[in-house]
């Protein structure tokens, strides 16, 4: 039986994230929901108490729902090991356990932490009088939308979307993250054109020493327009993309 260890998961991800080839293999071959499950939807279905609880429930749900496609149920323990072996064999510069725990980090730890950040920001928005619902995981994957926000006190204000991102997404110099930033711009434009919804971005930082969460603030509050983060011509996003340097004005949310 695989022993869950959050520190090993984070360590494995930090090791493999430095290798551009490995990160591209993960992204292109093993991150799709039909390979590992729609992790966001599984989190919401399983309602875990912590990362370890999510890991146990994820494996158990897959085991007891093998009639469902992987997209809906995730991986059994045996399938997780076999998929990690395939991941390892495609790359192979490190030991097998590094690839196994990297997978668990992406599937479990990142999903759990991301959902916790969403819940925290929803509390903040609701305190301000907004009504919030979460987008389905498939919509999030396609358009980069986490939270749908409506102003109950001003019905004339159109609903908008919020995407929650760690500060590393905006400051990392890794090429794979740069490609993700460009993809975020495409998703923003697609959401605006196809769903008629504008996306704002909330940016958090997790202190590695004590786990404290703080949020990047601007003059308007804790949400950013895309043109405060990136510059691009929507007719040639990839060819004109540029990211802005962000301040370090982080604060706790008053929730």
Protein backbone atom coordinates (compact mmCIF):
# COMPACT_ATOMS: atom_id res chain seq x y z
CA UNK A 1 0.00 0.00 0.00
CA UNK A 2 1.29 3.47 -0.89
CA UNK A 3 2.08 5.54 2.19
CA UNK A 4 0.94 9.12 1.81
CA UNK A 5 3.61 11.67 2.70
CA UNK A 6 2.91 15.29 1.81
CA UNK A 7 6.54 16.33 2.32
CA UNK A 8 7.72 13.63 -0.10
CA UNK A 9 5.13 14.80 -2.62
CA UNK A 10 6.30 18.42 -2.46
CA UNK A 11 9.95 17.36 -2.56
CA UNK A 12 9.35 15.20 -5.65
CA UNK A 13 7.57 18.02 -7.46
CA UNK A 14 10.37 20.47 -6.65
CA UNK A 15 12.93 18.02 -8.08
CA UNK A 16 11.06 17.27 -11.31
CA UNK A 17 9.88 20.84 -11.89
CA UNK A 18 13.49 21.78 -12.65
CA UNK A 19 13.54 19.44 -15.67
CA UNK A 20 11.82 20.95 -18.71
CA UNK A 21 11.51 17.60 -20.48
CA UNK A 22 9.85 15.95 -17.49
CA UNK A 23 7.37 18.78 -17.00
CA UNK A 24 6.38 18.60 -20.68
CA UNK A 25 5.91 14.81 -20.42
CA UNK A 26 3.67 15.27 -17.38
CA UNK A 27 1.63 18.01 -18.99
CA UNK A 28 1.16 16.32 -22.36
CA UNK A 29 0.78 12.69 -21.30
CA UNK A 30 -0.33 12.35 -17.70
CA UNK A 31 -2.13 15.51 -16.52
CA UNK A 32 -5.33 15.18 -18.63
CA UNK A 33 -8.45 14.20 -16.69
CA UNK A 34 -8.96 11.06 -18.77
CA UNK A 35 -5.62 9.81 -17.37
CA UNK A 36 -5.86 10.80 -13.67
CA UNK A 37 -9.48 11.90 -13.22
CA UNK A 38 -11.10 15.30 -12.93
CA UNK A 39 -9.43 16.09 -9.62
CA UNK A 40 -11.46 19.22 -8.90
CA UNK A 41 -14.78 17.42 -9.28
CA UNK A 42 -13.52 14.48 -7.24
CA UNK A 43 -12.47 16.80 -4.42
CA UNK A 44 -15.93 18.34 -4.32
CA UNK A 45 -17.61 14.94 -4.44
CA UNK A 46 -15.40 13.40 -1.72
CA UNK A 47 -15.26 16.45 0.60
CA UNK A 48 -11.94 15.49 2.26
CA UNK A 49 -10.81 16.80 5.65
CA UNK A 50 -7.13 17.05 4.68
CA UNK A 51 -4.67 15.91 2.00
CA UNK A 52 -4.23 12.42 3.41
CA UNK A 53 -7.98 11.96 3.69
CA UNK A 54 -8.34 13.08 0.07
CA UNK A 55 -5.70 10.57 -1.03
CA UNK A 56 -7.46 7.69 0.75
CA UNK A 57 -10.90 8.67 -0.52
CA UNK A 58 -9.58 9.20 -4.07
CA UNK A 59 -8.18 5.65 -4.21
CA UNK A 60 -11.21 4.11 -2.53
CA UNK A 61 -13.67 5.89 -4.79
CA UNK A 62 -11.84 4.66 -7.89
CA UNK A 63 -11.75 1.11 -6.49
CA UNK A 64 -15.47 1.02 -5.78
CA UNK A 65 -16.49 2.75 -9.03
CA UNK A 66 -14.42 0.90 -11.62
CA UNK A 67 -17.44 0.83 -13.92
CA UNK A 68 -17.02 4.58 -14.42
CA UNK A 69 -14.48 6.12 -16.81
CA UNK A 70 -11.25 7.36 -15.20
CA UNK A 71 -12.30 10.95 -15.85
CA UNK A 72 -15.14 10.48 -13.34
CA UNK A 73 -13.54 8.15 -10.77
CA UNK A 74 -9.76 8.73 -10.78
CA UNK A 75 -7.21 5.92 -10.38
CA UNK A 76 -7.14 2.86 -8.16
CA UNK A 77 -3.93 2.24 -6.23
CA UNK A 78 -2.81 -0.34 -8.80
CA UNK A 79 -3.59 2.01 -11.68
CA UNK A 80 -1.74 4.85 -9.97
CA UNK A 81 1.38 2.69 -9.65
CA UNK A 82 1.16 1.53 -13.27
CA UNK A 83 0.66 5.08 -14.52
CA UNK A 84 3.60 6.27 -12.42
CA UNK A 85 5.71 3.50 -13.97
CA UNK A 86 4.81 4.73 -17.44
CA UNK A 87 5.66 8.30 -16.38
CA UNK A 88 8.99 7.09 -14.96
CA UNK A 89 9.87 5.04 -18.04
CA UNK A 90 9.25 7.97 -20.38
CA UNK A 91 11.67 10.16 -18.40
CA UNK A 92 13.86 7.97 -16.17
CA UNK A 93 16.44 10.49 -14.86
CA UNK A 94 15.40 9.87 -11.23
CA UNK A 95 14.04 7.02 -9.11
CA UNK A 96 10.54 5.61 -9.55
CA UNK A 97 9.29 6.94 -6.18
CA UNK A 98 10.05 10.48 -7.28
CA UNK A 99 7.62 10.09 -10.18
CA UNK A 100 5.01 8.37 -8.02
CA UNK A 101 5.04 11.11 -5.39
CA UNK A 102 5.13 13.82 -8.04
CA UNK A 103 1.92 12.37 -9.45
CA UNK A 104 0.34 12.30 -6.00
CA UNK A 105 1.42 15.91 -5.50
CA UNK A 106 -0.32 17.02 -8.70
CA UNK A 107 -3.44 14.91 -8.14
CA UNK A 108 -3.93 15.32 -4.39
CA UNK A 109 -1.82 18.03 -2.77
CA UNK A 110 -2.18 20.70 -5.44
CA UNK A 111 -5.89 20.03 -5.86
CA UNK A 112 -6.57 20.10 -2.11
CA UNK A 113 -4.57 23.28 -1.53
CA UNK A 114 -6.12 24.98 -4.55
CA UNK A 115 -9.64 24.18 -3.37
CA UNK A 116 -8.81 25.48 0.10
CA UNK A 117 -7.68 28.78 -1.44
CA UNK A 118 -10.91 28.99 -3.42
CA UNK A 119 -12.96 28.46 -0.27
CA UNK A 120 -11.03 31.16 1.58
CA UNK A 121 -11.55 33.69 -1.21
CA UNK A 122 -15.25 32.82 -1.47
CA UNK A 123 -15.64 33.64 2.24
CA UNK A 124 -14.00 36.99 1.59
CA UNK A 125 -16.31 37.76 -1.36
CA UNK A 126 -19.42 36.66 0.53
CA UNK A 127 -18.44 38.93 3.40
CA UNK A 128 -18.49 41.79 0.87
CA UNK A 129 -22.04 40.82 -0.11
CA UNK A 130 -21.39 38.82 -3.27
CA UNK A 131 -22.97 35.49 -4.12
CA UNK A 132 -20.50 32.80 -5.23
CA UNK A 133 -20.70 29.42 -6.92
CA UNK A 134 -17.90 27.20 -8.20
CA UNK A 135 -17.54 26.32 -11.85
CA UNK A 136 -17.46 22.67 -12.87
CA UNK A 137 -13.93 21.27 -13.13
CA UNK A 138 -14.27 20.78 -16.89
CA UNK A 139 -15.22 24.46 -17.34
CA UNK A 140 -12.27 25.48 -15.17
CA UNK A 141 -9.90 23.39 -17.29
CA UNK A 142 -11.19 24.85 -20.56
CA UNK A 143 -11.63 28.49 -19.59
CA UNK A 144 -9.61 29.00 -16.40
CA UNK A 145 -12.64 29.84 -14.23
CA UNK A 146 -12.82 28.91 -10.55
CA UNK A 147 -15.57 31.05 -9.01
CA UNK A 148 -18.67 32.65 -10.53
CA UNK A 149 -19.53 35.85 -8.68
CA UNK A 150 -22.82 37.77 -8.69
CA UNK A 151 -23.71 41.03 -6.96
CA UNK A 152 -26.99 40.42 -5.16
CA UNK A 153 -27.25 44.10 -4.23
CA UNK A 154 -26.80 45.29 -7.80
CA UNK A 155 -28.66 43.13 -10.29
CA UNK A 156 -27.50 45.32 -13.17
CA UNK A 157 -23.89 44.22 -12.60
CA UNK A 158 -23.07 41.27 -14.81
CA UNK A 159 -21.68 38.15 -13.11
CA UNK A 160 -17.94 37.76 -13.40
CA UNK A 161 -15.39 35.01 -12.79
CA UNK A 162 -12.40 34.74 -10.48
CA UNK A 163 -9.39 32.51 -11.06
CA UNK A 164 -7.21 31.76 -8.01
CA UNK A 165 -3.47 31.51 -8.68
CA UNK A 166 -0.29 31.27 -6.57
CA UNK A 167 2.22 34.10 -6.96
CA UNK A 168 4.66 31.59 -8.49
CA UNK A 169 2.45 31.48 -11.57
CA UNK A 170 3.22 35.15 -12.24
CA UNK A 171 6.89 35.36 -11.29
CA UNK A 172 8.41 32.02 -12.32
CA UNK A 173 11.01 32.13 -15.08
CA UNK A 174 10.40 28.52 -16.15
CA UNK A 175 9.45 28.15 -19.81
CA UNK A 176 6.57 25.76 -19.07
CA UNK A 177 5.06 28.34 -16.70
CA UNK A 178 5.50 31.03 -19.36
CA UNK A 179 3.50 28.82 -21.74
CA UNK A 180 0.84 28.45 -19.04
CA UNK A 181 0.62 32.22 -18.71
CA UNK A 182 0.10 32.54 -22.45
CA UNK A 183 -2.57 29.81 -22.30
CA UNK A 184 -4.29 31.78 -19.51
CA UNK A 185 -4.62 34.72 -21.90
CA UNK A 186 -6.20 32.50 -24.56
CA UNK A 187 -8.61 31.13 -21.94
CA UNK A 188 -9.49 34.66 -20.82
CA UNK A 189 -10.37 35.64 -24.38
CA UNK A 190 -12.33 32.42 -24.95
CA UNK A 191 -14.36 32.93 -21.76
CA UNK A 192 -15.13 36.52 -22.74
CA UNK A 193 -16.13 35.62 -26.31
CA UNK A 194 -17.87 32.28 -25.77
CA UNK A 195 -19.39 32.69 -22.30
CA UNK A 196 -19.66 36.49 -22.15
CA UNK A 197 -17.87 36.56 -18.80
CA UNK A 198 -14.86 38.58 -17.63
CA UNK A 199 -12.22 36.88 -15.50
CA UNK A 200 -10.40 38.53 -12.60
CA UNK A 201 -7.40 37.02 -10.83
CA UNK A 202 -6.77 36.59 -7.11
CA UNK A 203 -3.14 35.88 -6.20
CA UNK A 204 -1.94 34.21 -3.01
CA UNK A 205 1.34 33.33 -1.39
CA UNK A 206 1.87 30.42 0.98
CA UNK A 207 4.73 30.86 3.46
CA UNK A 208 6.87 27.72 3.19
CA UNK A 209 7.95 27.98 6.83
CA UNK A 210 4.64 28.40 8.66
CA UNK A 211 2.03 27.82 5.94
CA UNK A 212 0.52 31.30 6.39
CA UNK A 213 -1.59 32.45 3.43
CA UNK A 214 -1.52 36.06 2.29
CA UNK A 215 -3.01 37.68 -0.80
CA UNK A 216 -1.64 40.24 -3.22
CA UNK A 217 -3.39 43.58 -2.93
CA UNK A 218 -3.77 46.50 -5.32
CA UNK A 219 -5.58 49.83 -4.94
CA UNK A 220 -8.92 48.23 -5.77
CA UNK A 221 -8.61 45.28 -3.38
CA UNK A 222 -7.51 41.68 -3.91
CA UNK A 223 -8.51 41.05 -7.52
CA UNK A 224 -6.60 41.94 -10.67
CA UNK A 225 -7.66 42.62 -14.23
CA UNK A 226 -5.74 40.73 -16.86
CA UNK A 227 -4.24 43.94 -18.26
CA UNK A 228 -2.70 44.58 -14.83
CA UNK A 229 -0.82 41.30 -15.12
CA UNK A 230 -0.05 40.82 -18.81
CA UNK A 231 0.24 42.81 -22.00
CA UNK A 232 -0.70 41.26 -25.36
CA UNK A 233 -2.48 41.82 -28.64
CA UNK A 234 -5.52 39.52 -28.64
CA UNK A 235 -5.00 38.91 -32.37
CA UNK A 236 -1.46 37.63 -31.76
CA UNK A 237 -1.24 36.61 -28.10
CA UNK A 238 1.81 34.38 -28.32
CA UNK A 239 3.77 36.80 -30.48
CA UNK A 240 3.12 39.88 -28.33
CA UNK A 241 2.83 38.47 -24.80
CA UNK A 242 4.63 40.25 -21.96
CA UNK A 243 4.19 39.86 -18.21
CA UNK A 244 4.37 42.76 -15.81
CA UNK A 245 6.45 42.88 -12.64
CA UNK A 246 4.19 42.66 -9.60
CA UNK A 247 4.61 44.35 -6.25
CA UNK A 248 5.02 42.38 -3.01
CA UNK A 249 2.06 43.96 -1.24
CA UNK A 250 0.59 40.86 0.43
CA UNK A 251 -2.00 40.93 3.21
CA UNK A 252 -4.30 38.52 5.01
CA UNK A 253 -7.93 38.48 3.97
CA UNK A 254 -10.43 39.82 6.47
CA UNK A 255 -12.84 36.91 6.64
